Each structure stands twice: as structure tokens, then as C-alpha cells.
Amino acid sequence: MLAEMDGFAPSEGIIVLGATNQRDDLDKALLRPGRFDFQVHVSPPNYEVR
């Protein structure tokens, strides 16, 4: 996956989306600048809103 992502030109209009519940277990190379630049943390819902 890293090799594929490195081959994308910025003007190609390709969006790569990923999700995990184990962020600390990801290879640090995935998180370096130019790969997954935007990260969103979604907390689990509390008991009242489930």
C-alpha cells in the first residue's frame, strides 16, 4: 500500500481513506506527511446515546 500511495501524483484526484481502532499499531510510515494528512478521532458513544 505504501508503494502505491507514493506513486500518486497530487493532481490525480485520488483520495485514500483508512480506518482503525488500533492507531498505535500502525506502521509509522503510514502517518508521515503526504500520506494520511487529515486524521479524525471518533469516540465511542456514551450509554445514553446508544
PDB file of N, CA and C in Angstrom:
ATOM      1  N   MET A   1       0.828  -1.177   0.000  1.00  0.00           N
ATOM      2  CA  MET A   1       0.000   0.000   0.000  1.00  0.00           C
ATOM      3  C   MET A   1       0.879   1.250   0.000  1.00  0.00           C
ATOM      4  N   LEU A   2       1.963   1.234   0.750  1.00  0.00           N
ATOM      5  CA  LEU A   2       2.832   2.410   0.802  1.00  0.00           C
ATOM      6  C   LEU A   2       3.414   2.719  -0.574  1.00  0.00           C
ATOM      7  N   ALA A   3       3.807   1.691  -1.297  1.00  0.00           N
ATOM      8  CA  ALA A   3       4.371   1.906  -2.629  1.00  0.00           C
ATOM      9  C   ALA A   3       3.330   2.494  -3.571  1.00  0.00           C
ATOM     10  N   GLU A   4       2.101   2.020  -3.489  1.00  0.00           N
ATOM     11  CA  GLU A   4       1.027   2.563  -4.326  1.00  0.00           C
ATOM     12  C   GLU A   4       0.767   4.026  -3.996  1.00  0.00           C
ATOM     13  N   MET A   5       0.724   4.355  -2.719  1.00  0.00           N
ATOM     14  CA  MET A   5       0.456   5.731  -2.311  1.00  0.00           C
ATOM     15  C   MET A   5       1.576   6.667  -2.749  1.00  0.00           C
ATOM     16  N   ASP A   6       2.804   6.186  -2.730  1.00  0.00           N
ATOM     17  CA  ASP A   6       3.930   7.016  -3.162  1.00  0.00           C
ATOM     18  C   ASP A   6       3.880   7.300  -4.655  1.00  0.00           C
ATOM     19  N   GLY A   7       3.179   6.461  -5.423  1.00  0.00           N
ATOM     20  CA  GLY A   7       3.118   6.641  -6.863  1.00  0.00           C
ATOM     21  C   GLY A   7       2.060   7.618  -7.333  1.00  0.00           C
ATOM     22  N   PHE A   8       1.195   8.095  -6.437  1.00  0.00           N
ATOM     23  CA  PHE A   8       0.140   9.024  -6.823  1.00  0.00           C
ATOM     24  C   PHE A   8       0.703  10.425  -6.990  1.00  0.00           C
ATOM     25  N   ALA A   9       0.369  11.051  -8.087  1.00  0.00           N
ATOM     26  CA  ALA A   9       0.716  12.464  -8.271  1.00  0.00           C
ATOM     27  C   ALA A   9      -0.364  13.307  -7.601  1.00  0.00           C
ATOM     28  N   PRO A  10      -0.013  14.442  -7.008  1.00  0.00           N
ATOM     29  CA  PRO A  10      -1.012  15.272  -6.317  1.00  0.00           C
ATOM     30  C   PRO A  10      -2.179  15.698  -7.198  1.00  0.00           C
ATOM     31  N   SER A  11      -1.978  15.763  -8.494  1.00  0.00           N
ATOM     32  CA  SER A  11      -3.035  16.233  -9.390  1.00  0.00           C
ATOM     33  C   SER A  11      -3.947  15.113  -9.889  1.00  0.00           C
ATOM     34  N   GLU A  12      -3.753  13.882  -9.430  1.00  0.00           N
ATOM     35  CA  GLU A  12      -4.552  12.763  -9.923  1.00  0.00           C
ATOM     36  C   GLU A  12      -5.945  12.701  -9.319  1.00  0.00           C
ATOM     37  N   GLY A  13      -6.207  13.437  -8.245  1.00  0.00           N
ATOM     38  CA  GLY A  13      -7.537  13.458  -7.652  1.00  0.00           C
ATOM     39  C   GLY A  13      -7.926  12.173  -6.947  1.00  0.00           C
ATOM     40  N   ILE A  14      -6.963  11.441  -6.444  1.00  0.00           N
ATOM     41  CA  ILE A  14      -7.240  10.186  -5.751  1.00  0.00           C
ATOM     42  C   ILE A  14      -7.295  10.450  -4.252  1.00  0.00           C
ATOM     43  N   ILE A  15      -8.333   9.927  -3.605  1.00  0.00           N
ATOM     44  CA  ILE A  15      -8.484  10.057  -2.159  1.00  0.00           C
ATOM     45  C   ILE A  15      -8.338   8.672  -1.548  1.00  0.00           C
ATOM     46  N   VAL A  16      -7.483   8.559  -0.547  1.00  0.00           N
ATOM     47  CA  VAL A  16      -7.300   7.296   0.164  1.00  0.00           C
ATOM     48  C   VAL A  16      -7.848   7.485   1.569  1.00  0.00           C
ATOM     49  N   LEU A  17      -8.753   6.599   1.961  1.00  0.00           N
ATOM     50  CA  LEU A  17      -9.404   6.675   3.266  1.00  0.00           C
ATOM     51  C   LEU A  17      -9.081   5.410   4.043  1.00  0.00           C
ATOM     52  N   GLY A  18      -8.752   5.564   5.302  1.00  0.00           N
ATOM     53  CA  GLY A  18      -8.464   4.407   6.139  1.00  0.00           C
ATOM     54  C   GLY A  18      -9.146   4.551   7.483  1.00  0.00           C
ATOM     55  N   ALA A  19      -9.352   3.435   8.141  1.00  0.00           N
ATOM     56  CA  ALA A  19      -9.962   3.452   9.471  1.00  0.00           C
ATOM     57  C   ALA A  19      -9.323   2.360  10.319  1.00  0.00           C
ATOM     58  N   THR A  20      -9.136   2.657  11.590  1.00  0.00           N
ATOM     59  CA  THR A  20      -8.590   1.679  12.521  1.00  0.00           C
ATOM     60  C   THR A  20      -9.017   2.022  13.936  1.00  0.00           C
ATOM     61  N   ASN A  21      -9.062   1.021  14.771  1.00  0.00           N
ATOM     62  CA  ASN A  21      -9.269   1.276  16.190  1.00  0.00           C
ATOM     63  C   ASN A  21      -7.982   0.992  16.968  1.00  0.00           C
ATOM     64  N   GLN A  22      -6.899   0.760  16.234  1.00  0.00           N
ATOM     65  CA  GLN A  22      -5.589   0.497  16.830  1.00  0.00           C
ATOM     66  C   GLN A  22      -4.530   1.397  16.194  1.00  0.00           C
ATOM     67  N   ARG A  23      -4.696   2.705  16.291  1.00  0.00           N
ATOM     68  CA  ARG A  23      -3.787   3.650  15.632  1.00  0.00           C
ATOM     69  C   ARG A  23      -2.338   3.444  16.057  1.00  0.00           C
ATOM     70  N   ASP A  24      -2.113   3.101  17.305  1.00  0.00           N
ATOM     71  CA  ASP A  24      -0.751   2.924  17.807  1.00  0.00           C
ATOM     72  C   ASP A  24      -0.040   1.734  17.169  1.00  0.00           C
ATOM     73  N   ASP A  25      -0.793   0.823  16.579  1.00  0.00           N
ATOM     74  CA  ASP A  25      -0.202  -0.351  15.942  1.00  0.00           C
ATOM     75  C   ASP A  25       0.144  -0.128  14.471  1.00  0.00           C
ATOM     76  N   LEU A  26      -0.216   1.032  13.913  1.00  0.00           N
ATOM     77  CA  LEU A  26       0.079   1.316  12.510  1.00  0.00           C
ATOM     78  C   LEU A  26       1.571   1.548  12.300  1.00  0.00           C
ATOM     79  N   ASP A  27       2.054   1.164  11.135  1.00  0.00           N
ATOM     80  CA  ASP A  27       3.427   1.470  10.747  1.00  0.00           C
ATOM     81  C   ASP A  27       3.568   2.989  10.694  1.00  0.00           C
ATOM     82  N   LYS A  28       4.591   3.526  11.325  1.00  0.00           N
ATOM     83  CA  LYS A  28       4.786   4.982  11.373  1.00  0.00           C
ATOM     84  C   LYS A  28       4.932   5.578   9.973  1.00  0.00           C
ATOM     85  N   ALA A  29       5.355   4.783   9.007  1.00  0.00           N
ATOM     86  CA  ALA A  29       5.486   5.271   7.631  1.00  0.00           C
ATOM     87  C   ALA A  29       4.135   5.666   7.047  1.00  0.00           C
ATOM     88  N   LEU A  30       3.053   5.054   7.516  1.00  0.00           N
ATOM     89  CA  LEU A  30       1.718   5.417   7.030  1.00  0.00           C
ATOM     90  C   LEU A  30       1.315   6.826   7.451  1.00  0.00           C
ATOM     91  N   LEU A  31       1.845   7.292   8.563  1.00  0.00           N
ATOM     92  CA  LEU A  31       1.414   8.564   9.133  1.00  0.00           C
ATOM     93  C   LEU A  31       2.333   9.728   8.793  1.00  0.00           C
ATOM     94  N   ARG A  32       3.360   9.480   8.004  1.00  0.00           N
ATOM     95  CA  ARG A  32       4.263  10.586   7.688  1.00  0.00           C
ATOM     96  C   ARG A  32       3.585  11.560   6.720  1.00  0.00           C
ATOM     97  N   PRO A  33       4.056  12.804   6.665  1.00  0.00           N
ATOM     98  CA  PRO A  33       3.421  13.825   5.810  1.00  0.00           C
ATOM     99  C   PRO A  33       3.281  13.371   4.355  1.00  0.00           C
ATOM    100  N   GLY A  34       2.119  13.676   3.781  1.00  0.00           N
ATOM    101  CA  GLY A  34       1.858  13.323   2.395  1.00  0.00           C
ATOM    102  C   GLY A  34       1.086  12.027   2.230  1.00  0.00           C
ATOM    103  N   ARG A  35       0.868  11.314   3.300  1.00  0.00           N
ATOM    104  CA  ARG A  35       0.124  10.065   3.209  1.00  0.00           C
ATOM    105  C   ARG A  35      -1.276  10.277   3.751  1.00  0.00           C
ATOM    106  N   PHE A  36      -1.467  10.147   5.041  1.00  0.00           N
ATOM    107  CA  PHE A  36      -2.759  10.404   5.678  1.00  0.00           C
ATOM    108  C   PHE A  36      -2.624  11.705   6.461  1.00  0.00           C
ATOM    109  N   ASP A  37      -2.800  12.819   5.765  1.00  0.00           N
ATOM    110  CA  ASP A  37      -2.568  14.131   6.370  1.00  0.00           C
ATOM    111  C   ASP A  37      -3.693  14.579   7.292  1.00  0.00           C
ATOM    112  N   PHE A  38      -4.884  14.086   7.100  1.00  0.00           N
ATOM    113  CA  PHE A  38      -6.038  14.536   7.870  1.00  0.00           C
ATOM    114  C   PHE A  38      -6.534  13.363   8.701  1.00  0.00           C
ATOM    115  N   GLN A  39      -6.557  13.526  10.015  1.00  0.00           N
ATOM    116  CA  GLN A  39      -6.996  12.455  10.900  1.00  0.00           C
ATOM    117  C   GLN A  39      -8.159  12.938  11.751  1.00  0.00           C
ATOM    118  N   VAL A  40      -9.151  12.079  11.907  1.00  0.00           N
ATOM    119  CA  VAL A  40     -10.340  12.400  12.698  1.00  0.00           C
ATOM    120  C   VAL A  40     -10.490  11.336  13.778  1.00  0.00           C
ATOM    121  N   HIS A  41     -10.594  11.761  15.016  1.00  0.00           N
ATOM    122  CA  HIS A  41     -10.831  10.833  16.119  1.00  0.00           C
ATOM    123  C   HIS A  41     -12.336  10.794  16.391  1.00  0.00           C
ATOM    124  N   VAL A  42     -12.894   9.601  16.399  1.00  0.00           N
ATOM    125  CA  VAL A  42     -14.313   9.419  16.696  1.00  0.00           C
ATOM    126  C   VAL A  42     -14.404   8.584  17.971  1.00  0.00           C
ATOM    127  N   SER A  43     -14.875   9.200  19.026  1.00  0.00           N
ATOM    128  CA  SER A  43     -15.016   8.496  20.306  1.00  0.00           C
ATOM    129  C   SER A  43     -16.237   7.585  20.272  1.00  0.00           C
ATOM    130  N   PRO A  44     -16.206   6.508  21.032  1.00  0.00           N
ATOM    131  CA  PRO A  44     -17.398   5.663  21.108  1.00  0.00           C
ATOM    132  C   PRO A  44     -18.534   6.424  21.790  1.00  0.00           C
ATOM    133  N   PRO A  45     -19.769   6.117  21.430  1.00  0.00           N
ATOM    134  CA  PRO A  45     -20.901   6.819  22.048  1.00  0.00           C
ATOM    135  C   PRO A  45     -21.041   6.427  23.523  1.00  0.00           C
ATOM    136  N   ASN A  46     -21.564   7.350  24.299  1.00  0.00           N
ATOM    137  CA  ASN A  46     -21.815   7.007  25.698  1.00  0.00           C
ATOM    138  C   ASN A  46     -23.113   6.196  25.794  1.00  0.00           C
ATOM    139  N   TYR A  47     -23.409   5.729  26.969  1.00  0.00           N
ATOM    140  CA  TYR A  47     -24.562   4.844  27.164  1.00  0.00           C
ATOM    141  C   TYR A  47     -25.882   5.507  26.766  1.00  0.00           C
ATOM    142  N   GLU A  48     -26.028   6.791  27.040  1.00  0.00           N
ATOM    143  CA  GLU A  48     -27.291   7.494  26.776  1.00  0.00           C
ATOM    144  C   GLU A  48     -27.627   7.613  25.293  1.00  0.00           C
ATOM    145  N   VAL A  49     -26.626   7.711  24.436  1.00  0.00           N
ATOM    146  CA  VAL A  49     -26.902   7.930  23.010  1.00  0.00           C
ATOM    147  C   VAL A  49     -26.828   6.652  22.171  1.00  0.00           C
ATOM    148  N   ARG A  50     -26.571   5.531  22.780  1.00  0.00           N
ATOM    149  CA  ARG A  50     -26.509   4.266  22.030  1.00  0.00           C
ATOM    150  C   ARG A  50     -27.856   3.842  21.539  1.00  0.00           C
TER     151      ARG A  50
END
